[in-house]
Amino acid sequence: MNPWLLDPMHSTIQFSVRHMMVSNVRGSFREFALEVEFDPEHPELGSVQATVEAASIDTGATAARRAPLLGGLPQRGAVPKAHLPKHQR
């Protein structure tokens, strides 16, 4: 099986979160990876691994405006990676 890797230059991971039933906060993650392995003859052996770097969150808001909206999530690089590990699924 040859793995298929996501092209991060032509892909995005985006989200939208409702804030206080008044507005939506939109954002994305800048650092992520996806690997898919698939064999049409043996689909049961296929796998998908996705990794999102939580510290790479970007809402486009300034730190002061973003803190109350997203519970004080840090600007990229403001918190050691040990506090915001990669999330894999």
C-alpha atoms as a PDB file:
ATOM      1  CA  MET A   1       0.000   0.000   0.000  1.00  0.00           C
ATOM      2  CA  ASN A   2       1.274   3.423  -0.917  1.00  0.00           C
ATOM      3  CA  PRO A   3       0.146   6.155   1.478  1.00  0.00           C
ATOM      4  CA  TRP A   4      -1.693   9.190   0.164  1.00  0.00           C
ATOM      5  CA  LEU A   5      -0.609  12.408   1.901  1.00  0.00           C
ATOM      6  CA  LEU A   6      -2.772  15.517   2.072  1.00  0.00           C
ATOM      7  CA  ASP A   7      -1.349  18.551   0.267  1.00  0.00           C
ATOM      8  CA  PRO A   8      -1.381  21.247   3.002  1.00  0.00           C
ATOM      9  CA  MET A   9      -0.874  24.030   0.455  1.00  0.00           C
ATOM     10  CA  HIS A  10      -4.236  23.209  -1.134  1.00  0.00           C
ATOM     11  CA  SER A  11      -6.175  22.135   1.975  1.00  0.00           C
ATOM     12  CA  THR A  12      -7.658  23.747   5.068  1.00  0.00           C
ATOM     13  CA  ILE A  13      -9.156  22.731   8.378  1.00  0.00           C
ATOM     14  CA  GLN A  14     -11.767  25.319   9.319  1.00  0.00           C
ATOM     15  CA  PHE A  15     -14.306  25.682  12.113  1.00  0.00           C
ATOM     16  CA  SER A  16     -17.168  27.893  13.201  1.00  0.00           C
ATOM     17  CA  VAL A  17     -18.234  28.219  16.850  1.00  0.00           C
ATOM     18  CA  ARG A  18     -21.389  29.959  18.066  1.00  0.00           C
ATOM     19  CA  HIS A  19     -20.538  32.639  20.661  1.00  0.00           C
ATOM     20  CA  MET A  20     -23.201  33.615  23.215  1.00  0.00           C
ATOM     21  CA  MET A  21     -25.967  32.920  20.676  1.00  0.00           C
ATOM     22  CA  VAL A  22     -25.089  36.248  19.047  1.00  0.00           C
ATOM     23  CA  SER A  23     -22.279  35.659  16.605  1.00  0.00           C
ATOM     24  CA  ASN A  24     -20.059  32.990  15.098  1.00  0.00           C
ATOM     25  CA  VAL A  25     -16.307  32.821  15.592  1.00  0.00           C
ATOM     26  CA  ARG A  26     -14.601  31.340  12.553  1.00  0.00           C
ATOM     27  CA  GLY A  27     -11.082  30.114  12.313  1.00  0.00           C
ATOM     28  CA  SER A  28      -8.687  27.507  11.062  1.00  0.00           C
ATOM     29  CA  PHE A  29      -5.654  25.478  12.011  1.00  0.00           C
ATOM     30  CA  ARG A  30      -2.444  26.270  10.142  1.00  0.00           C
ATOM     31  CA  GLU A  31      -0.534  23.062  10.902  1.00  0.00           C
ATOM     32  CA  PHE A  32      -2.020  19.666  10.167  1.00  0.00           C
ATOM     33  CA  ALA A  33      -1.358  16.442   8.316  1.00  0.00           C
ATOM     34  CA  LEU A  34      -3.434  13.595   6.911  1.00  0.00           C
ATOM     35  CA  GLU A  35      -2.265  10.218   5.679  1.00  0.00           C
ATOM     36  CA  VAL A  36      -4.537   7.649   4.046  1.00  0.00           C
ATOM     37  CA  GLU A  37      -3.567   4.093   3.183  1.00  0.00           C
ATOM     38  CA  PHE A  38      -5.984   2.137   1.021  1.00  0.00           C
ATOM     39  CA  ASP A  39      -5.799  -1.039  -1.012  1.00  0.00           C
ATOM     40  CA  PRO A  40      -8.927  -1.631  -3.125  1.00  0.00           C
ATOM     41  CA  GLU A  41      -8.303  -5.359  -2.991  1.00  0.00           C
ATOM     42  CA  HIS A  42      -8.133  -5.326   0.841  1.00  0.00           C
ATOM     43  CA  PRO A  43     -10.131  -2.308   2.074  1.00  0.00           C
ATOM     44  CA  GLU A  44     -10.254  -3.756   5.611  1.00  0.00           C
ATOM     45  CA  LEU A  45      -6.514  -3.070   5.892  1.00  0.00           C
ATOM     46  CA  GLY A  46      -6.897   0.634   5.110  1.00  0.00           C
ATOM     47  CA  SER A  47      -6.145   3.343   7.636  1.00  0.00           C
ATOM     48  CA  VAL A  48      -6.421   7.098   8.132  1.00  0.00           C
ATOM     49  CA  GLN A  49      -4.236   9.163  10.431  1.00  0.00           C
ATOM     50  CA  ALA A  50      -4.986  12.862  10.975  1.00  0.00           C
ATOM     51  CA  THR A  51      -2.856  15.193  13.087  1.00  0.00           C
ATOM     52  CA  VAL A  52      -3.799  18.753  14.081  1.00  0.00           C
ATOM     53  CA  GLU A  53      -1.361  21.026  15.904  1.00  0.00           C
ATOM     54  CA  ALA A  54      -3.658  22.713  18.452  1.00  0.00           C
ATOM     55  CA  ALA A  55      -1.249  25.619  18.986  1.00  0.00           C
ATOM     56  CA  SER A  56      -1.609  26.589  15.305  1.00  0.00           C
ATOM     57  CA  ILE A  57      -5.188  27.860  15.798  1.00  0.00           C
ATOM     58  CA  ASP A  58      -5.938  31.101  13.958  1.00  0.00           C
ATOM     59  CA  THR A  59      -9.166  33.065  14.365  1.00  0.00           C
ATOM     60  CA  GLY A  60      -7.869  36.254  12.774  1.00  0.00           C
ATOM     61  CA  ALA A  61      -8.645  38.103  16.003  1.00  0.00           C
ATOM     62  CA  THR A  62      -6.184  39.980  18.171  1.00  0.00           C
ATOM     63  CA  ALA A  63      -5.176  38.285  21.419  1.00  0.00           C
ATOM     64  CA  ALA A  64      -7.285  40.708  23.483  1.00  0.00           C
ATOM     65  CA  ARG A  65     -10.406  40.133  21.383  1.00  0.00           C
ATOM     66  CA  ARG A  66      -9.880  36.385  21.036  1.00  0.00           C
ATOM     67  CA  ALA A  67      -9.371  35.594  24.736  1.00  0.00           C
ATOM     68  CA  PRO A  68     -12.992  36.028  25.863  1.00  0.00           C
ATOM     69  CA  LEU A  69     -14.345  34.423  22.673  1.00  0.00           C
ATOM     70  CA  LEU A  70     -12.299  31.244  22.795  1.00  0.00           C
ATOM     71  CA  GLY A  71     -11.661  30.837  26.499  1.00  0.00           C
ATOM     72  CA  GLY A  72      -8.214  32.371  26.452  1.00  0.00           C
ATOM     73  CA  LEU A  73      -6.639  30.167  23.790  1.00  0.00           C
ATOM     74  CA  PRO A  74      -3.117  31.447  23.139  1.00  0.00           C
ATOM     75  CA  GLN A  75      -1.644  33.027  20.060  1.00  0.00           C
ATOM     76  CA  ARG A  76       0.437  30.641  17.997  1.00  0.00           C
ATOM     77  CA  GLY A  77       3.687  29.875  19.808  1.00  0.00           C
ATOM     78  CA  ALA A  78       2.621  31.606  23.050  1.00  0.00           C
ATOM     79  CA  VAL A  79       2.235  28.356  25.003  1.00  0.00           C
ATOM     80  CA  PRO A  80       4.754  25.509  25.093  1.00  0.00           C
ATOM     81  CA  LYS A  81       3.666  22.594  22.917  1.00  0.00           C
ATOM     82  CA  ALA A  82       3.492  20.389  26.005  1.00  0.00           C
ATOM     83  CA  HIS A  83       0.391  22.344  27.039  1.00  0.00           C
ATOM     84  CA  LEU A  84      -1.271  22.058  23.617  1.00  0.00           C
ATOM     85  CA  PRO A  85      -0.234  18.681  22.218  1.00  0.00           C
ATOM     86  CA  LYS A  86      -1.002  17.356  18.782  1.00  0.00           C
ATOM     87  CA  HIS A  87      -4.373  15.698  18.487  1.00  0.00           C
ATOM     88  CA  GLN A  88      -4.391  12.530  16.460  1.00  0.00           C
ATOM     89  CA  ARG A  89      -7.264  10.409  15.379  1.00  0.00           C
END
